[in-house]
Amino acid sequence: MHCNGLDGDLLALLAESHGLNARVFSLLRLQLLQGLASLGPDGATYRELKAALEVSDGALYANLLALIAMGYLESETVSVENKELESYRITTAGSQEWERVRDWLCRFCECGGDRHAEP
């Protein structure tokens, strides 16, 4: 995609953004979707997510609940070393939304990179 100023490509890209779920657009939610999408069906435990993302319990828990409410994640209790842990994995809907958001963000960044290009 080539975007010079406010040409048709950029306007189309901006119009396309209305079809995305705006509630996904927080850094932590994008990180959760990306991370869990890359892990596949095994997902990750709460403890693993917290360690990898280095966020507070409150922020992580609230964002996990929000993504579950949207239908993008699901959770289950698993037993690891005789301990009950909560594990999270991305749903089909979550994978589809992540792909749409990721593709849109890549095209958006590509357009933003053109504004410094010489004519």
Protein backbone atom coordinates (compact mmCIF):
# COMPACT_ATOMS: atom_id res chain seq x y z
CA MET A 1 0.00 0.00 0.00
CA HIS A 2 1.30 3.42 -0.90
CA CYS A 3 -0.03 6.43 1.02
CA ASN A 4 0.91 9.98 0.07
CA GLY A 5 -0.91 12.47 2.26
CA LEU A 6 -4.66 12.01 2.42
CA ASP A 7 -5.04 10.08 -0.80
CA GLY A 8 -7.58 7.36 -1.44
CA ASP A 9 -5.52 4.57 0.13
CA LEU A 10 -5.18 6.34 3.47
CA LEU A 11 -8.83 7.40 3.47
CA ALA A 12 -9.88 3.82 2.73
CA LEU A 13 -7.61 2.56 5.51
CA LEU A 14 -9.07 5.02 7.99
CA ALA A 15 -12.61 4.08 6.95
CA GLU A 16 -11.74 0.41 7.42
CA SER A 17 -10.77 1.12 11.03
CA HIS A 18 -14.47 1.54 11.87
CA GLY A 19 -14.89 -2.20 11.36
CA LEU A 20 -12.32 -3.03 14.05
CA ASN A 21 -13.18 -3.56 17.70
CA ALA A 22 -11.89 -0.38 19.36
CA ARG A 23 -11.96 -2.10 22.77
CA VAL A 24 -8.98 -4.22 21.64
CA PHE A 25 -6.77 -1.17 21.13
CA SER A 26 -4.79 -1.00 24.31
CA LEU A 27 -1.16 -2.04 24.43
CA LEU A 28 -1.80 -4.74 27.03
CA ARG A 29 -4.76 -6.24 25.14
CA LEU A 30 -2.80 -6.28 21.91
CA GLN A 31 0.12 -7.94 23.71
CA LEU A 32 -2.20 -10.56 25.21
CA LEU A 33 -3.81 -11.36 21.86
CA GLN A 34 -0.47 -11.50 20.06
CA GLY A 35 1.19 -13.61 22.73
CA LEU A 36 -1.65 -16.08 23.11
CA ALA A 37 -2.13 -16.31 19.33
CA SER A 38 1.53 -17.28 18.97
CA LEU A 39 1.26 -19.91 21.73
CA GLY A 40 -1.65 -21.67 20.06
CA PRO A 41 -4.06 -24.01 21.85
CA ASP A 42 -1.82 -24.57 24.87
CA GLY A 43 -2.08 -20.94 25.94
CA ALA A 44 -0.38 -19.71 29.08
CA THR A 45 -1.03 -19.58 32.79
CA TYR A 46 -1.78 -16.35 34.60
CA ARG A 47 1.63 -16.59 36.27
CA GLU A 48 3.39 -16.91 32.89
CA LEU A 49 1.49 -13.97 31.42
CA LYS A 50 2.22 -11.79 34.43
CA ALA A 51 5.95 -12.59 34.31
CA ALA A 52 6.20 -12.03 30.56
CA LEU A 53 4.25 -8.77 30.49
CA GLU A 54 5.51 -7.34 33.79
CA VAL A 55 2.18 -5.70 34.70
CA SER A 56 0.23 -5.43 37.92
CA ASP A 57 -2.25 -8.11 38.91
CA GLY A 58 -5.10 -5.61 38.60
CA ALA A 59 -4.20 -4.54 35.07
CA LEU A 60 -3.66 -8.10 33.87
CA TYR A 61 -6.81 -9.50 35.46
CA ALA A 62 -9.02 -6.65 34.21
CA ASN A 63 -7.74 -6.99 30.65
CA LEU A 64 -8.05 -10.76 30.64
CA LEU A 65 -11.66 -10.45 31.84
CA ALA A 66 -12.40 -7.86 29.15
CA LEU A 67 -11.02 -10.12 26.40
CA ILE A 68 -12.98 -13.08 27.79
CA ALA A 69 -16.16 -10.98 27.81
CA MET A 70 -15.53 -10.10 24.13
CA GLY A 71 -15.21 -13.81 23.37
CA TYR A 72 -11.55 -13.51 22.37
CA LEU A 73 -10.04 -15.56 25.20
CA GLU A 74 -11.16 -18.48 27.31
CA SER A 75 -9.82 -19.76 30.58
CA GLU A 76 -9.65 -23.04 32.40
CA THR A 77 -8.17 -24.31 35.63
CA VAL A 78 -5.19 -26.62 35.12
CA SER A 79 -3.10 -28.60 37.56
CA VAL A 80 0.65 -27.92 37.42
CA GLU A 81 2.94 -29.50 40.01
CA ASN A 82 -0.05 -30.19 42.26
CA LYS A 83 -1.15 -26.55 42.07
CA GLU A 84 -4.37 -25.29 40.53
CA LEU A 85 -3.57 -22.50 38.06
CA GLU A 86 -5.71 -20.49 35.68
CA SER A 87 -4.71 -20.93 32.06
CA TYR A 88 -5.77 -18.72 29.13
CA ARG A 89 -5.93 -19.37 25.41
CA ILE A 90 -7.16 -17.45 22.42
CA THR A 91 -10.47 -18.45 20.83
CA THR A 92 -11.19 -18.71 17.12
CA ALA A 93 -12.92 -15.32 17.29
CA GLY A 94 -9.90 -13.89 19.10
CA SER A 95 -7.52 -15.24 16.47
CA GLN A 96 -9.65 -13.78 13.70
CA GLU A 97 -9.84 -10.38 15.40
CA TRP A 98 -6.09 -10.42 16.10
CA GLU A 99 -5.39 -11.14 12.41
CA ARG A 100 -7.67 -8.28 11.32
CA VAL A 101 -6.14 -5.83 13.81
CA ARG A 102 -2.57 -6.91 13.04
CA ASP A 103 -3.09 -6.58 9.29
CA TRP A 104 -4.70 -3.17 9.72
CA LEU A 105 -1.92 -1.95 12.05
CA CYS A 106 0.75 -3.09 9.58
CA ARG A 107 -0.93 -1.19 6.75
CA PHE A 108 -1.46 1.85 9.01
CA CYS A 109 2.22 1.92 9.98
CA GLU A 110 3.21 1.50 6.33
CA CYS A 111 1.16 4.58 5.45
CA GLY A 112 2.65 6.54 8.32
CA GLY A 113 6.15 5.69 7.14
CA ASP A 114 5.51 7.31 3.75
CA ARG A 115 5.07 10.83 5.09
CA HIS A 116 8.85 11.20 5.51
CA ALA A 117 9.67 9.81 2.08
CA GLU A 118 11.00 12.16 -0.53
CA PRO A 119 8.77 12.78 -3.58
